[in-house]
């Protein structure tokens, strides 16, 4: 499919689920931006809340069709953006609870200038061409087609395509480990 059509035809603007958000994540009032804070936000315990890793899922899930959304990663030094089944483990601090580090999630990770895709705890290093580093990442999910594609959103250049047969609804998810770094889901209804 023509990449420019993906955004216009399938653009979504999912919102963060505060019941899933780790308690040190500040969530904006429009539920699209998360920033890691050094202090707890004091939200009550919830069975969906990640209590060991600073990550959150979105309220919306996708279990059919095509969906495209973008995350503004800005200057964040280390981040992961991707998708997860609702069955992703939430409680504890083991490595397998991180986005991408289990069989229930897939993500694109950037650490310093290194990019990789992660699933099932397996990191696959990527060569991402061009400078500067992408500040906005596009994600295209075709659920029935078993496709999850990551884009450099400014040029719609494909960074990586992941092929996987999905068996459950998928929730967009994000992770950020450094205080004051922020990730923002772009409101595509307003974006240029």
C-alpha atoms as a PDB file:
ATOM      1  CA  UNK A   1       0.000   0.000   0.000  1.00  0.00           C
ATOM      2  CA  UNK A   2       1.169   3.527  -0.789  1.00  0.00           C
ATOM      3  CA  UNK A   3       2.654   4.801   2.463  1.00  0.00           C
ATOM      4  CA  UNK A   4       1.181   8.285   2.190  1.00  0.00           C
ATOM      5  CA  UNK A   5      -2.301   6.759   1.987  1.00  0.00           C
ATOM      6  CA  UNK A   6      -1.773   4.830   5.211  1.00  0.00           C
ATOM      7  CA  UNK A   7      -1.823   7.991   7.331  1.00  0.00           C
ATOM      8  CA  UNK A   8      -4.849   9.580   5.673  1.00  0.00           C
ATOM      9  CA  UNK A   9      -6.941   6.398   5.475  1.00  0.00           C
ATOM     10  CA  UNK A  10      -6.126   4.743   8.796  1.00  0.00           C
ATOM     11  CA  UNK A  11      -4.964   7.567  11.060  1.00  0.00           C
ATOM     12  CA  UNK A  12      -5.854   7.124  14.733  1.00  0.00           C
ATOM     13  CA  UNK A  13      -5.113   9.155  17.857  1.00  0.00           C
ATOM     14  CA  UNK A  14      -5.246   6.686  20.760  1.00  0.00           C
ATOM     15  CA  UNK A  15      -5.274   7.891  24.367  1.00  0.00           C
ATOM     16  CA  UNK A  16      -3.307   6.648  27.356  1.00  0.00           C
ATOM     17  CA  UNK A  17      -5.015   4.500  29.969  1.00  0.00           C
ATOM     18  CA  UNK A  18      -4.241   6.057  33.359  1.00  0.00           C
ATOM     19  CA  UNK A  19      -5.190   2.749  35.023  1.00  0.00           C
ATOM     20  CA  UNK A  20      -2.259   1.091  33.249  1.00  0.00           C
ATOM     21  CA  UNK A  21       0.277   3.909  33.720  1.00  0.00           C
ATOM     22  CA  UNK A  22       3.134   3.401  36.164  1.00  0.00           C
ATOM     23  CA  UNK A  23       2.698   5.748  39.107  1.00  0.00           C
ATOM     24  CA  UNK A  24       5.717   7.909  38.237  1.00  0.00           C
ATOM     25  CA  UNK A  25       4.304   8.711  34.810  1.00  0.00           C
ATOM     26  CA  UNK A  26       2.636  12.097  34.549  1.00  0.00           C
ATOM     27  CA  UNK A  27      -0.224  11.817  32.058  1.00  0.00           C
ATOM     28  CA  UNK A  28      -1.454  14.994  30.336  1.00  0.00           C
ATOM     29  CA  UNK A  29      -5.082  16.076  30.579  1.00  0.00           C
ATOM     30  CA  UNK A  30      -5.699  15.083  26.935  1.00  0.00           C
ATOM     31  CA  UNK A  31      -4.296  11.593  27.743  1.00  0.00           C
ATOM     32  CA  UNK A  32      -1.738  11.742  24.927  1.00  0.00           C
ATOM     33  CA  UNK A  33       1.530  12.718  26.649  1.00  0.00           C
ATOM     34  CA  UNK A  34       3.462  10.833  29.302  1.00  0.00           C
ATOM     35  CA  UNK A  35       6.466  12.230  31.151  1.00  0.00           C
ATOM     36  CA  UNK A  36       8.506  10.343  33.728  1.00  0.00           C
ATOM     37  CA  UNK A  37       8.492  12.164  37.058  1.00  0.00           C
ATOM     38  CA  UNK A  38      10.838  11.564  40.009  1.00  0.00           C
ATOM     39  CA  UNK A  39       7.814  11.384  42.316  1.00  0.00           C
ATOM     40  CA  UNK A  40       4.744   9.186  42.492  1.00  0.00           C
ATOM     41  CA  UNK A  41       1.542  10.588  41.010  1.00  0.00           C
ATOM     42  CA  UNK A  42      -0.481   8.961  43.779  1.00  0.00           C
ATOM     43  CA  UNK A  43      -2.930   7.078  41.598  1.00  0.00           C
ATOM     44  CA  UNK A  44      -4.690   4.201  43.386  1.00  0.00           C
ATOM     45  CA  UNK A  45      -3.555   0.645  42.822  1.00  0.00           C
ATOM     46  CA  UNK A  46      -5.255  -1.052  39.901  1.00  0.00           C
ATOM     47  CA  UNK A  47      -4.946  -4.580  38.473  1.00  0.00           C
ATOM     48  CA  UNK A  48      -3.957  -3.088  35.085  1.00  0.00           C
ATOM     49  CA  UNK A  49      -1.240  -0.803  36.495  1.00  0.00           C
ATOM     50  CA  UNK A  50       2.408  -1.470  35.660  1.00  0.00           C
ATOM     51  CA  UNK A  51       4.121  -1.251  39.015  1.00  0.00           C
ATOM     52  CA  UNK A  52       7.716  -2.105  38.095  1.00  0.00           C
ATOM     53  CA  UNK A  53       8.422  -0.387  34.772  1.00  0.00           C
ATOM     54  CA  UNK A  54       7.592   3.150  33.606  1.00  0.00           C
ATOM     55  CA  UNK A  55       5.261   2.223  30.801  1.00  0.00           C
ATOM     56  CA  UNK A  56       1.597   2.555  29.856  1.00  0.00           C
ATOM     57  CA  UNK A  57      -0.862   1.148  27.353  1.00  0.00           C
ATOM     58  CA  UNK A  58      -3.640   2.984  25.566  1.00  0.00           C
ATOM     59  CA  UNK A  59      -7.354   2.662  26.244  1.00  0.00           C
ATOM     60  CA  UNK A  60      -8.073   1.635  22.667  1.00  0.00           C
ATOM     61  CA  UNK A  61      -7.359  -1.823  21.308  1.00  0.00           C
ATOM     62  CA  UNK A  62      -7.327  -3.055  17.724  1.00  0.00           C
ATOM     63  CA  UNK A  63      -8.488  -6.540  16.759  1.00  0.00           C
ATOM     64  CA  UNK A  64      -9.211  -6.112  13.051  1.00  0.00           C
ATOM     65  CA  UNK A  65      -8.394  -3.849  10.146  1.00  0.00           C
ATOM     66  CA  UNK A  66      -5.693  -1.246   9.500  1.00  0.00           C
ATOM     67  CA  UNK A  67      -4.621   1.356  12.058  1.00  0.00           C
ATOM     68  CA  UNK A  68      -1.922   4.033  11.928  1.00  0.00           C
ATOM     69  CA  UNK A  69      -0.747   6.323  14.725  1.00  0.00           C
ATOM     70  CA  UNK A  70       2.299   8.428  15.519  1.00  0.00           C
ATOM     71  CA  UNK A  71       4.383   9.046  18.611  1.00  0.00           C
ATOM     72  CA  UNK A  72       6.456  12.193  19.009  1.00  0.00           C
ATOM     73  CA  UNK A  73       9.616  10.957  20.738  1.00  0.00           C
ATOM     74  CA  UNK A  74      11.347  14.341  20.545  1.00  0.00           C
ATOM     75  CA  UNK A  75      14.782  14.310  22.148  1.00  0.00           C
ATOM     76  CA  UNK A  76      14.113  11.401  24.525  1.00  0.00           C
ATOM     77  CA  UNK A  77      17.342   9.433  24.897  1.00  0.00           C
ATOM     78  CA  UNK A  78      15.808   6.020  25.470  1.00  0.00           C
ATOM     79  CA  UNK A  79      12.300   4.876  24.585  1.00  0.00           C
ATOM     80  CA  UNK A  80      10.150   2.041  23.328  1.00  0.00           C
ATOM     81  CA  UNK A  81       6.945   2.324  21.324  1.00  0.00           C
ATOM     82  CA  UNK A  82       4.866  -0.597  20.168  1.00  0.00           C
ATOM     83  CA  UNK A  83       1.863  -2.793  20.871  1.00  0.00           C
ATOM     84  CA  UNK A  84       0.891  -5.335  23.511  1.00  0.00           C
ATOM     85  CA  UNK A  85      -1.815  -7.845  24.230  1.00  0.00           C
ATOM     86  CA  UNK A  86      -3.920  -7.022  27.270  1.00  0.00           C
ATOM     87  CA  UNK A  87      -2.403 -10.137  28.844  1.00  0.00           C
ATOM     88  CA  UNK A  88       1.048  -8.524  29.162  1.00  0.00           C
ATOM     89  CA  UNK A  89       2.234  -9.016  32.767  1.00  0.00           C
ATOM     90  CA  UNK A  90       1.863  -5.881  34.880  1.00  0.00           C
ATOM     91  CA  UNK A  91       3.140  -6.639  38.390  1.00  0.00           C
ATOM     92  CA  UNK A  92       6.798  -6.845  39.373  1.00  0.00           C
ATOM     93  CA  UNK A  93      10.121  -5.626  38.048  1.00  0.00           C
ATOM     94  CA  UNK A  94      11.468  -8.653  36.195  1.00  0.00           C
ATOM     95  CA  UNK A  95      12.957  -7.956  32.768  1.00  0.00           C
ATOM     96  CA  UNK A  96      10.185  -9.959  31.093  1.00  0.00           C
ATOM     97  CA  UNK A  97       7.609  -7.354  32.148  1.00  0.00           C
ATOM     98  CA  UNK A  98       9.070  -4.672  29.874  1.00  0.00           C
ATOM     99  CA  UNK A  99       7.442  -3.785  26.577  1.00  0.00           C
ATOM    100  CA  UNK A 100       8.950  -6.112  23.976  1.00  0.00           C
ATOM    101  CA  UNK A 101      10.593  -8.415  26.472  1.00  0.00           C
ATOM    102  CA  UNK A 102       7.808 -11.009  26.473  1.00  0.00           C
ATOM    103  CA  UNK A 103       5.684 -12.886  23.949  1.00  0.00           C
ATOM    104  CA  UNK A 104       2.740 -10.511  24.519  1.00  0.00           C
ATOM    105  CA  UNK A 105       4.355  -7.354  23.079  1.00  0.00           C
ATOM    106  CA  UNK A 106       6.352  -5.942  20.189  1.00  0.00           C
ATOM    107  CA  UNK A 107       8.249  -2.646  20.088  1.00  0.00           C
ATOM    108  CA  UNK A 108      10.748  -0.390  18.422  1.00  0.00           C
ATOM    109  CA  UNK A 109      13.462   0.729  20.835  1.00  0.00           C
ATOM    110  CA  UNK A 110      15.932   3.579  20.630  1.00  0.00           C
ATOM    111  CA  UNK A 111      18.845   3.821  23.048  1.00  0.00           C
ATOM    112  CA  UNK A 112      21.249   6.692  22.358  1.00  0.00           C
ATOM    113  CA  UNK A 113      21.764   6.296  18.585  1.00  0.00           C
ATOM    114  CA  UNK A 114      20.979   2.587  18.431  1.00  0.00           C
ATOM    115  CA  UNK A 115      17.662   1.224  17.173  1.00  0.00           C
ATOM    116  CA  UNK A 116      16.250  -2.282  17.525  1.00  0.00           C
ATOM    117  CA  UNK A 117      12.982  -4.162  17.400  1.00  0.00           C
ATOM    118  CA  UNK A 118      12.204  -6.305  20.434  1.00  0.00           C
ATOM    119  CA  UNK A 119       9.814  -9.229  20.884  1.00  0.00           C
ATOM    120  CA  UNK A 120       9.978 -12.164  23.254  1.00  0.00           C
ATOM    121  CA  UNK A 121      13.098 -10.716  24.838  1.00  0.00           C
ATOM    122  CA  UNK A 122      14.986 -10.878  21.526  1.00  0.00           C
ATOM    123  CA  UNK A 123      16.511  -7.635  20.280  1.00  0.00           C
ATOM    124  CA  UNK A 124      17.178  -7.270  16.560  1.00  0.00           C
ATOM    125  CA  UNK A 125      19.516  -4.375  15.825  1.00  0.00           C
ATOM    126  CA  UNK A 126      18.504  -2.045  13.002  1.00  0.00           C
ATOM    127  CA  UNK A 127      20.364   0.335  10.771  1.00  0.00           C
ATOM    128  CA  UNK A 128      18.335   3.557  10.676  1.00  0.00           C
ATOM    129  CA  UNK A 129      19.674   5.801   7.942  1.00  0.00           C
ATOM    130  CA  UNK A 130      19.736   9.549   7.881  1.00  0.00           C
ATOM    131  CA  UNK A 131      20.342  12.323  10.338  1.00  0.00           C
ATOM    132  CA  UNK A 132      19.016  13.676  12.533  1.00  0.00           C
ATOM    133  CA  UNK A 133      17.423  10.801  14.364  1.00  0.00           C
ATOM    134  CA  UNK A 134      13.635  10.499  13.843  1.00  0.00           C
ATOM    135  CA  UNK A 135      11.655  12.700  16.231  1.00  0.00           C
ATOM    136  CA  UNK A 136       8.331  11.157  15.275  1.00  0.00           C
ATOM    137  CA  UNK A 137       7.620   7.456  14.798  1.00  0.00           C
ATOM    138  CA  UNK A 138       4.676   6.144  12.797  1.00  0.00           C
ATOM    139  CA  UNK A 139       3.165   2.735  13.504  1.00  0.00           C
ATOM    140  CA  UNK A 140       0.934   0.866  11.060  1.00  0.00           C
ATOM    141  CA  UNK A 141      -0.894  -2.226  12.246  1.00  0.00           C
ATOM    142  CA  UNK A 142      -2.764  -4.521   9.862  1.00  0.00           C
ATOM    143  CA  UNK A 143      -4.206  -7.012  12.326  1.00  0.00           C
ATOM    144  CA  UNK A 144      -5.478  -9.732   9.980  1.00  0.00           C
ATOM    145  CA  UNK A 145      -2.454  -9.343   7.733  1.00  0.00           C
ATOM    146  CA  UNK A 146      -0.070  -9.903  10.629  1.00  0.00           C
ATOM    147  CA  UNK A 147       1.842  -6.709   9.924  1.00  0.00           C
ATOM    148  CA  UNK A 148       3.302  -4.156  12.322  1.00  0.00           C
ATOM    149  CA  UNK A 149       5.356  -1.500  10.530  1.00  0.00           C
ATOM    150  CA  UNK A 150       7.430   1.286  12.055  1.00  0.00           C
ATOM    151  CA  UNK A 151       8.029   4.467  10.042  1.00  0.00           C
ATOM    152  CA  UNK A 152      10.134   7.586  10.160  1.00  0.00           C
ATOM    153  CA  UNK A 153       6.988   9.703  10.134  1.00  0.00           C
ATOM    154  CA  UNK A 154       8.458  12.831   8.514  1.00  0.00           C
ATOM    155  CA  UNK A 155       9.308  10.967   5.302  1.00  0.00           C
ATOM    156  CA  UNK A 156       7.139   7.829   5.757  1.00  0.00           C
ATOM    157  CA  UNK A 157      10.286   5.776   5.203  1.00  0.00           C
ATOM    158  CA  UNK A 158       9.846   2.283   6.628  1.00  0.00           C
ATOM    159  CA  UNK A 159      12.236   1.586   9.506  1.00  0.00           C
ATOM    160  CA  UNK A 160      11.145  -2.020   9.995  1.00  0.00           C
ATOM    161  CA  UNK A 161       8.241  -4.342   9.257  1.00  0.00           C
ATOM    162  CA  UNK A 162       7.371  -7.107  11.714  1.00  0.00           C
ATOM    163  CA  UNK A 163       5.373 -10.092  10.464  1.00  0.00           C
ATOM    164  CA  UNK A 164       3.435 -11.960  13.128  1.00  0.00           C
ATOM    165  CA  UNK A 165       0.129 -13.803  13.349  1.00  0.00           C
ATOM    166  CA  UNK A 166      -1.789 -11.913  16.030  1.00  0.00           C
ATOM    167  CA  UNK A 167      -4.262 -13.792  18.224  1.00  0.00           C
ATOM    168  CA  UNK A 168      -5.613 -11.131  20.604  1.00  0.00           C
ATOM    169  CA  UNK A 169      -6.556  -7.433  20.519  1.00  0.00           C
ATOM    170  CA  UNK A 170      -3.495  -5.168  20.503  1.00  0.00           C
ATOM    171  CA  UNK A 171      -3.088  -2.012  22.585  1.00  0.00           C
ATOM    172  CA  UNK A 172      -0.600   0.714  21.655  1.00  0.00           C
ATOM    173  CA  UNK A 173       2.033   1.043  24.388  1.00  0.00           C
ATOM    174  CA  UNK A 174       5.018   3.196  25.332  1.00  0.00           C
ATOM    175  CA  UNK A 175       7.941   3.091  27.773  1.00  0.00           C
ATOM    176  CA  UNK A 176      10.339   5.813  28.897  1.00  0.00           C
ATOM    177  CA  UNK A 177      12.964   5.339  31.653  1.00  0.00           C
ATOM    178  CA  UNK A 178      14.564   8.765  32.173  1.00  0.00           C
ATOM    179  CA  UNK A 179      13.034  11.516  34.290  1.00  0.00           C
ATOM    180  CA  UNK A 180      11.619  14.475  32.360  1.00  0.00           C
ATOM    181  CA  UNK A 181      11.743  12.616  29.045  1.00  0.00           C
ATOM    182  CA  UNK A 182       8.347  12.662  27.373  1.00  0.00           C
ATOM    183  CA  UNK A 183       6.509  10.747  24.664  1.00  0.00           C
ATOM    184  CA  UNK A 184       3.421  12.156  22.969  1.00  0.00           C
ATOM    185  CA  UNK A 185       0.803  10.430  20.839  1.00  0.00           C
ATOM    186  CA  UNK A 186       0.152  12.805  17.966  1.00  0.00           C
ATOM    187  CA  UNK A 187      -3.426  14.028  17.514  1.00  0.00           C
ATOM    188  CA  UNK A 188      -3.686  13.198  13.801  1.00  0.00           C
ATOM    189  CA  UNK A 189      -7.007  15.009  13.550  1.00  0.00           C
ATOM    190  CA  UNK A 190      -5.051  18.237  14.138  1.00  0.00           C
ATOM    191  CA  UNK A 191      -1.606  17.358  12.804  1.00  0.00           C
ATOM    192  CA  UNK A 192      -0.442  18.855   9.554  1.00  0.00           C
END
